Amino acid sequence: MTIKVMIADDQMMVRQGFTVLLNLEPDIEVVGQAVDGLDALEKVAELGPDVVLMDVRMPRLGGIEATRRITGPTDSAVKVLVLTTFDLDEYVYEALRAGASGFLLKDASAAELAQAVRVVAAGEALLAPTVTKRLIAEFTRLPGAARMPLKDRVGDLTERETEVLSLIAHGLSNAEIAAKLVVAEQTVKTHVSRILVKLGLRDRTQAAVFAYETGLVRPAGY
């Protein structure tokens, strides 16, 4: 199945460059381009892409609010992969809160960009390695969450579902979680689906955000 991609960026060279690179991939097709957030909203409604590559800073409507509006509807299947020039972008946290499924630097290689599109289209979470450490630090500075009783943080999750949620937050894929827990990958997929339903979350990225925000996951060193 071909992954339909739309590129939203106010720089023409960025849009054209990404279009050329992605159209070289046999399973990816760039179906449109947008020059700002408002244009992105219109093009998403018109073209129905699977993945939107979204710049953060754009005129008229920025990428954060555009992401929020695109992913907000409960029936929205569009994934947003946020792109930025800076690995310490101040909007990393807000982009994920807004519903972005991934975050990638604009200096990523063609292979990394294509793989990021595939990962996000498949429903996985993706963060640039240089962004992850700062993001975790941001989550672990949130006050109060760690003092909440565990059952209040994870709701009706079973012990195994809580374990799976923790592994999601640490960046493991379904296959890696299955190997670690010595269960079938389909079993992990079932756990993930139940976690999302019970917590009222949209996807794995929101699940990871939830785990950090509530203090369920607090990596060593922070």
C-alpha atoms as a PDB file:
ATOM      1  CA  MET A   1       0.000   0.000   0.000  1.00  0.00           C
ATOM      2  CA  THR A   2       1.319   3.451  -0.944  1.00  0.00           C
ATOM      3  CA  ILE A   3       1.676   5.965   1.892  1.00  0.00           C
ATOM      4  CA  LYS A   4       0.223   9.341   0.879  1.00  0.00           C
ATOM      5  CA  VAL A   5       2.241  12.260   2.253  1.00  0.00           C
ATOM      6  CA  MET A   6       1.591  15.986   2.367  1.00  0.00           C
ATOM      7  CA  ILE A   7       4.327  18.518   3.162  1.00  0.00           C
ATOM      8  CA  ALA A   8       3.531  21.722   5.059  1.00  0.00           C
ATOM      9  CA  ASP A   9       6.414  24.199   5.168  1.00  0.00           C
ATOM     10  CA  ASP A  10       6.707  27.884   4.304  1.00  0.00           C
ATOM     11  CA  GLN A  11      10.042  27.338   2.558  1.00  0.00           C
ATOM     12  CA  MET A  12       9.652  26.273  -1.059  1.00  0.00           C
ATOM     13  CA  MET A  13      13.076  24.622  -1.198  1.00  0.00           C
ATOM     14  CA  VAL A  14      12.225  22.429   1.780  1.00  0.00           C
ATOM     15  CA  ARG A  15       8.903  21.376   0.246  1.00  0.00           C
ATOM     16  CA  GLN A  16      10.422  20.610  -3.118  1.00  0.00           C
ATOM     17  CA  GLY A  17      13.446  18.847  -1.672  1.00  0.00           C
ATOM     18  CA  PHE A  18      11.372  16.543   0.517  1.00  0.00           C
ATOM     19  CA  THR A  19       8.995  15.904  -2.372  1.00  0.00           C
ATOM     20  CA  VAL A  20      11.825  14.746  -4.634  1.00  0.00           C
ATOM     21  CA  LEU A  21      13.366  12.546  -1.931  1.00  0.00           C
ATOM     22  CA  LEU A  22      10.135  10.877  -0.869  1.00  0.00           C
ATOM     23  CA  ASN A  23       8.826  10.316  -4.386  1.00  0.00           C
ATOM     24  CA  LEU A  24      11.917   8.190  -5.047  1.00  0.00           C
ATOM     25  CA  GLU A  25      10.556   5.656  -2.550  1.00  0.00           C
ATOM     26  CA  PRO A  26       8.379   2.944  -4.145  1.00  0.00           C
ATOM     27  CA  ASP A  27       5.872   2.917  -1.276  1.00  0.00           C
ATOM     28  CA  ILE A  28       5.554   6.679  -0.667  1.00  0.00           C
ATOM     29  CA  GLU A  29       3.810   9.340  -2.746  1.00  0.00           C
ATOM     30  CA  VAL A  30       3.734  13.078  -2.035  1.00  0.00           C
ATOM     31  CA  VAL A  31       0.184  14.102  -2.895  1.00  0.00           C
ATOM     32  CA  GLY A  32       0.403  17.796  -2.041  1.00  0.00           C
ATOM     33  CA  GLN A  33       2.183  20.738  -0.465  1.00  0.00           C
ATOM     34  CA  ALA A  34       1.015  23.505   1.871  1.00  0.00           C
ATOM     35  CA  VAL A  35       2.655  26.873   2.518  1.00  0.00           C
ATOM     36  CA  ASP A  36       1.315  27.423   6.048  1.00  0.00           C
ATOM     37  CA  GLY A  37      -0.971  25.958   8.705  1.00  0.00           C
ATOM     38  CA  LEU A  38      -4.243  27.204   7.238  1.00  0.00           C
ATOM     39  CA  ASP A  39      -3.280  25.917   3.812  1.00  0.00           C
ATOM     40  CA  ALA A  40      -2.411  22.593   5.460  1.00  0.00           C
ATOM     41  CA  LEU A  41      -5.894  22.274   6.965  1.00  0.00           C
ATOM     42  CA  GLU A  42      -7.498  22.859   3.577  1.00  0.00           C
ATOM     43  CA  LYS A  43      -5.173  20.457   1.765  1.00  0.00           C
ATOM     44  CA  VAL A  44      -5.664  17.702   4.362  1.00  0.00           C
ATOM     45  CA  ALA A  45      -9.435  17.920   3.898  1.00  0.00           C
ATOM     46  CA  GLU A  46      -9.028  17.902   0.114  1.00  0.00           C
ATOM     47  CA  LEU A  47      -6.286  15.301  -0.351  1.00  0.00           C
ATOM     48  CA  GLY A  48      -6.703  12.925   2.604  1.00  0.00           C
ATOM     49  CA  PRO A  49      -3.020  12.160   3.223  1.00  0.00           C
ATOM     50  CA  ASP A  50      -1.881   9.414   5.566  1.00  0.00           C
ATOM     51  CA  VAL A  51       1.013  11.464   6.939  1.00  0.00           C
ATOM     52  CA  VAL A  52       1.635  15.213   7.099  1.00  0.00           C
ATOM     53  CA  LEU A  53       5.199  16.503   7.401  1.00  0.00           C
ATOM     54  CA  MET A  54       4.582  19.637   9.452  1.00  0.00           C
ATOM     55  CA  ASP A  55       6.930  22.560   9.984  1.00  0.00           C
ATOM     56  CA  VAL A  56       6.630  24.212  13.408  1.00  0.00           C
ATOM     57  CA  ARG A  57       7.065  27.875  12.555  1.00  0.00           C
ATOM     58  CA  MET A  58       4.847  29.079   9.719  1.00  0.00           C
ATOM     59  CA  PRO A  59       2.894  32.277   8.988  1.00  0.00           C
ATOM     60  CA  ARG A  60      -0.871  32.705   9.530  1.00  0.00           C
ATOM     61  CA  LEU A  61      -1.179  29.446  11.476  1.00  0.00           C
ATOM     62  CA  GLY A  62       1.763  27.622  13.039  1.00  0.00           C
ATOM     63  CA  GLY A  63       2.429  23.909  12.939  1.00  0.00           C
ATOM     64  CA  ILE A  64       1.412  23.271  16.557  1.00  0.00           C
ATOM     65  CA  GLU A  65      -2.131  24.581  16.181  1.00  0.00           C
ATOM     66  CA  ALA A  66      -2.454  23.043  12.716  1.00  0.00           C
ATOM     67  CA  THR A  67      -1.440  19.685  14.192  1.00  0.00           C
ATOM     68  CA  ARG A  68      -3.999  20.073  16.973  1.00  0.00           C
ATOM     69  CA  ARG A  69      -6.790  20.774  14.487  1.00  0.00           C
ATOM     70  CA  ILE A  70      -5.809  17.953  12.140  1.00  0.00           C
ATOM     71  CA  THR A  71      -5.485  15.258  14.797  1.00  0.00           C
ATOM     72  CA  GLY A  72      -8.236  16.559  17.093  1.00  0.00           C
ATOM     73  CA  PRO A  73     -11.294  14.872  15.538  1.00  0.00           C
ATOM     74  CA  THR A  74     -11.805  11.409  17.021  1.00  0.00           C
ATOM     75  CA  ASP A  75     -12.215   9.897  13.560  1.00  0.00           C
ATOM     76  CA  SER A  76      -9.031  11.461  12.187  1.00  0.00           C
ATOM     77  CA  ALA A  77      -6.588   8.884  10.860  1.00  0.00           C
ATOM     78  CA  VAL A  78      -4.012  11.423   9.690  1.00  0.00           C
ATOM     79  CA  LYS A  79      -0.596  11.178  11.327  1.00  0.00           C
ATOM     80  CA  VAL A  80       1.587  14.243  11.765  1.00  0.00           C
ATOM     81  CA  LEU A  81       5.371  14.110  11.693  1.00  0.00           C
ATOM     82  CA  VAL A  82       6.731  17.432  12.955  1.00  0.00           C
ATOM     83  CA  LEU A  83       9.906  18.745  11.353  1.00  0.00           C
ATOM     84  CA  THR A  84      12.265  21.349  12.759  1.00  0.00           C
ATOM     85  CA  THR A  85      15.739  22.725  12.200  1.00  0.00           C
ATOM     86  CA  PHE A  86      16.689  22.702  15.866  1.00  0.00           C
ATOM     87  CA  ASP A  87      17.115  19.692  18.135  1.00  0.00           C
ATOM     88  CA  LEU A  88      16.373  21.876  21.173  1.00  0.00           C
ATOM     89  CA  ASP A  89      13.223  23.336  19.705  1.00  0.00           C
ATOM     90  CA  GLU A  90      11.100  24.865  22.460  1.00  0.00           C
ATOM     91  CA  TYR A  91       7.988  23.454  20.838  1.00  0.00           C
ATOM     92  CA  VAL A  92       8.893  19.761  21.012  1.00  0.00           C
ATOM     93  CA  TYR A  93       6.731  19.153  24.041  1.00  0.00           C
ATOM     94  CA  GLU A  94       3.754  21.151  22.756  1.00  0.00           C
ATOM     95  CA  ALA A  95       3.913  19.425  19.368  1.00  0.00           C
ATOM     96  CA  LEU A  96       3.465  16.025  20.984  1.00  0.00           C
ATOM     97  CA  ARG A  97       0.766  17.352  23.309  1.00  0.00           C
ATOM     98  CA  ALA A  98      -1.019  18.656  20.205  1.00  0.00           C
ATOM     99  CA  GLY A  99      -1.169  15.153  18.726  1.00  0.00           C
ATOM    100  CA  ALA A 100       1.977  14.788  16.638  1.00  0.00           C
ATOM    101  CA  SER A 101       3.064  11.183  16.187  1.00  0.00           C
ATOM    102  CA  GLY A 102       6.704  11.975  15.678  1.00  0.00           C
ATOM    103  CA  PHE A 103       9.433  14.574  15.683  1.00  0.00           C
ATOM    104  CA  LEU A 104      12.351  14.688  13.272  1.00  0.00           C
ATOM    105  CA  LEU A 105      15.123  17.133  12.419  1.00  0.00           C
ATOM    106  CA  LYS A 106      15.256  18.649   8.947  1.00  0.00           C
ATOM    107  CA  ASP A 107      18.861  17.550   8.529  1.00  0.00           C
ATOM    108  CA  ALA A 108      17.846  13.893   8.607  1.00  0.00           C
ATOM    109  CA  SER A 109      19.058  11.808   5.689  1.00  0.00           C
ATOM    110  CA  ALA A 110      16.738  10.726   2.876  1.00  0.00           C
ATOM    111  CA  ALA A 111      16.675   7.198   4.289  1.00  0.00           C
ATOM    112  CA  GLU A 112      15.861   8.468   7.795  1.00  0.00           C
ATOM    113  CA  LEU A 113      13.068  10.666   6.464  1.00  0.00           C
ATOM    114  CA  ALA A 114      11.485   7.839   4.480  1.00  0.00           C
ATOM    115  CA  GLN A 115      11.732   5.448   7.416  1.00  0.00           C
ATOM    116  CA  ALA A 116      10.191   8.054   9.717  1.00  0.00           C
ATOM    117  CA  VAL A 117       7.206   8.350   7.391  1.00  0.00           C
ATOM    118  CA  ARG A 118       6.787   4.567   7.400  1.00  0.00           C
ATOM    119  CA  VAL A 119       7.067   4.321  11.181  1.00  0.00           C
ATOM    120  CA  VAL A 120       4.512   7.064  11.802  1.00  0.00           C
ATOM    121  CA  ALA A 121       2.141   5.716   9.131  1.00  0.00           C
ATOM    122  CA  ALA A 122       2.238   2.334  10.876  1.00  0.00           C
ATOM    123  CA  GLY A 123       1.078   3.925  14.127  1.00  0.00           C
ATOM    124  CA  GLU A 124       4.400   3.890  15.944  1.00  0.00           C
ATOM    125  CA  ALA A 125       5.915   6.847  17.803  1.00  0.00           C
ATOM    126  CA  LEU A 126       9.088   8.435  16.493  1.00  0.00           C
ATOM    127  CA  LEU A 127      11.453  10.910  18.088  1.00  0.00           C
ATOM    128  CA  ALA A 128      14.834  12.080  16.880  1.00  0.00           C
ATOM    129  CA  PRO A 129      17.460  10.674  19.305  1.00  0.00           C
ATOM    130  CA  THR A 130      18.813  14.158  20.031  1.00  0.00           C
ATOM    131  CA  VAL A 131      15.323  15.301  20.998  1.00  0.00           C
ATOM    132  CA  THR A 132      14.445  12.397  23.270  1.00  0.00           C
ATOM    133  CA  LYS A 133      16.725  13.291  26.180  1.00  0.00           C
ATOM    134  CA  ARG A 134      15.444  16.858  26.374  1.00  0.00           C
ATOM    135  CA  LEU A 135      11.859  15.676  26.063  1.00  0.00           C
ATOM    136  CA  ILE A 136      12.238  13.240  28.952  1.00  0.00           C
ATOM    137  CA  ALA A 137      13.781  15.992  31.050  1.00  0.00           C
ATOM    138  CA  GLU A 138      10.780  18.202  30.311  1.00  0.00           C
ATOM    139  CA  PHE A 139       8.317  15.510  31.367  1.00  0.00           C
ATOM    140  CA  THR A 140      10.160  14.668  34.558  1.00  0.00           C
ATOM    141  CA  ARG A 141      10.141  18.302  35.669  1.00  0.00           C
ATOM    142  CA  LEU A 142       6.333  18.321  35.748  1.00  0.00           C
ATOM    143  CA  PRO A 143       5.255  18.816  39.382  1.00  0.00           C
ATOM    144  CA  GLY A 144       2.984  16.603  41.405  1.00  0.00           C
ATOM    145  CA  ALA A 145       2.557  13.597  39.140  1.00  0.00           C
ATOM    146  CA  ALA A 146       5.040  11.381  40.968  1.00  0.00           C
ATOM    147  CA  ARG A 147       3.146  11.863  44.225  1.00  0.00           C
ATOM    148  CA  MET A 148      -0.075  10.419  42.805  1.00  0.00           C
ATOM    149  CA  PRO A 149      -0.971   6.833  43.799  1.00  0.00           C
ATOM    150  CA  LEU A 150      -0.175   4.395  41.005  1.00  0.00           C
ATOM    151  CA  LYS A 151      -3.792   3.325  40.551  1.00  0.00           C
ATOM    152  CA  ASP A 152      -4.804   6.972  40.076  1.00  0.00           C
ATOM    153  CA  ARG A 153      -2.148   7.393  37.408  1.00  0.00           C
ATOM    154  CA  VAL A 154      -2.978   4.370  35.297  1.00  0.00           C
ATOM    155  CA  GLY A 155      -6.706   4.016  35.878  1.00  0.00           C
ATOM    156  CA  ASP A 156      -8.059   0.545  35.152  1.00  0.00           C
ATOM    157  CA  LEU A 157      -4.931  -0.838  33.510  1.00  0.00           C
ATOM    158  CA  THR A 158      -3.883  -4.335  34.496  1.00  0.00           C
ATOM    159  CA  GLU A 159      -0.374  -4.999  35.760  1.00  0.00           C
ATOM    160  CA  ARG A 160       0.678  -6.308  32.343  1.00  0.00           C
ATOM    161  CA  GLU A 161      -0.892  -3.341  30.535  1.00  0.00           C
ATOM    162  CA  THR A 162       0.951  -0.978  32.865  1.00  0.00           C
ATOM    163  CA  GLU A 163       4.171  -2.801  32.047  1.00  0.00           C
ATOM    164  CA  VAL A 164       3.490  -2.494  28.313  1.00  0.00           C
ATOM    165  CA  LEU A 165       2.739   1.222  28.724  1.00  0.00           C
ATOM    166  CA  SER A 166       6.073   1.710  30.449  1.00  0.00           C
ATOM    167  CA  LEU A 167       7.897  -0.053  27.623  1.00  0.00           C
ATOM    168  CA  ILE A 168       6.087   2.060  25.034  1.00  0.00           C
ATOM    169  CA  ALA A 169       7.292   5.167  26.851  1.00  0.00           C
ATOM    170  CA  HIS A 170      10.855   3.846  26.687  1.00  0.00           C
ATOM    171  CA  GLY A 171      10.545   3.705  22.903  1.00  0.00           C
ATOM    172  CA  LEU A 172      10.180  -0.042  22.322  1.00  0.00           C
ATOM    173  CA  SER A 173       8.269  -1.266  19.290  1.00  0.00           C
ATOM    174  CA  ASN A 174       5.613  -3.978  19.507  1.00  0.00           C
ATOM    175  CA  ALA A 175       8.121  -6.572  18.322  1.00  0.00           C
ATOM    176  CA  GLU A 176      10.679  -5.490  20.936  1.00  0.00           C
ATOM    177  CA  ILE A 177       8.056  -5.521  23.695  1.00  0.00           C
ATOM    178  CA  ALA A 178       6.962  -8.993  22.621  1.00  0.00           C
ATOM    179  CA  ALA A 179      10.540 -10.256  22.781  1.00  0.00           C
ATOM    180  CA  LYS A 180      11.125  -8.686  26.192  1.00  0.00           C
ATOM    181  CA  LEU A 181       7.910 -10.093  27.677  1.00  0.00           C
ATOM    182  CA  VAL A 182       8.208 -13.406  25.787  1.00  0.00           C
ATOM    183  CA  VAL A 183       4.741 -13.152  24.273  1.00  0.00           C
ATOM    184  CA  ALA A 184       3.359 -13.017  20.737  1.00  0.00           C
ATOM    185  CA  GLU A 185       3.466  -9.678  18.946  1.00  0.00           C
ATOM    186  CA  GLN A 186      -0.290  -9.903  18.401  1.00  0.00           C
ATOM    187  CA  THR A 187      -0.718 -10.124  22.178  1.00  0.00           C
ATOM    188  CA  VAL A 188       1.222  -6.889  22.558  1.00  0.00           C
ATOM    189  CA  LYS A 189      -0.952  -5.226  19.911  1.00  0.00           C
ATOM    190  CA  THR A 190      -4.008  -6.258  21.895  1.00  0.00           C
ATOM    191  CA  HIS A 191      -2.529  -4.796  25.080  1.00  0.00           C
ATOM    192  CA  VAL A 192      -1.712  -1.542  23.295  1.00  0.00           C
ATOM    193  CA  SER A 193      -5.243  -1.256  21.910  1.00  0.00           C
ATOM    194  CA  ARG A 194      -6.737  -1.809  25.360  1.00  0.00           C
ATOM    195  CA  ILE A 195      -4.390   0.758  26.912  1.00  0.00           C
ATOM    196  CA  LEU A 196      -5.455   3.399  24.393  1.00  0.00           C
ATOM    197  CA  VAL A 197      -9.150   2.663  24.923  1.00  0.00           C
ATOM    198  CA  LYS A 198      -8.970   2.607  28.732  1.00  0.00           C
ATOM    199  CA  LEU A 199      -6.978   5.841  28.947  1.00  0.00           C
ATOM    200  CA  GLY A 200      -8.842   7.594  26.145  1.00  0.00           C
ATOM    201  CA  LEU A 201      -5.681   8.127  24.113  1.00  0.00           C
ATOM    202  CA  ARG A 202      -5.307   8.456  20.353  1.00  0.00           C
ATOM    203  CA  ASP A 203      -2.068   6.609  19.651  1.00  0.00           C
ATOM    204  CA  ARG A 204       1.246   5.323  21.030  1.00  0.00           C
ATOM    205  CA  THR A 205       2.760   8.791  21.143  1.00  0.00           C
ATOM    206  CA  GLN A 206      -0.004  10.051  23.407  1.00  0.00           C
ATOM    207  CA  ALA A 207       0.496   6.919  25.509  1.00  0.00           C
ATOM    208  CA  ALA A 208       4.182   7.766  25.919  1.00  0.00           C
ATOM    209  CA  VAL A 209       3.299  11.365  26.794  1.00  0.00           C
ATOM    210  CA  PHE A 210       0.807  10.084  29.391  1.00  0.00           C
ATOM    211  CA  ALA A 211       3.393   7.789  30.971  1.00  0.00           C
ATOM    212  CA  TYR A 212       5.888  10.623  31.413  1.00  0.00           C
ATOM    213  CA  GLU A 213       3.335  13.237  32.463  1.00  0.00           C
ATOM    214  CA  THR A 214       1.933  11.034  35.215  1.00  0.00           C
ATOM    215  CA  GLY A 215       5.370  10.084  36.508  1.00  0.00           C
ATOM    216  CA  LEU A 216       4.854   6.403  35.706  1.00  0.00           C
ATOM    217  CA  VAL A 217       8.153   6.490  33.837  1.00  0.00           C
ATOM    218  CA  ARG A 218      11.071   8.426  35.313  1.00  0.00           C
ATOM    219  CA  PRO A 219      14.333   7.381  33.627  1.00  0.00           C
ATOM    220  CA  ALA A 220      17.508   7.181  35.681  1.00  0.00           C
ATOM    221  CA  GLY A 221      19.550  10.342  35.640  1.00  0.00           C
ATOM    222  CA  TYR A 222      16.623  12.778  35.910  1.00  0.00           C
END
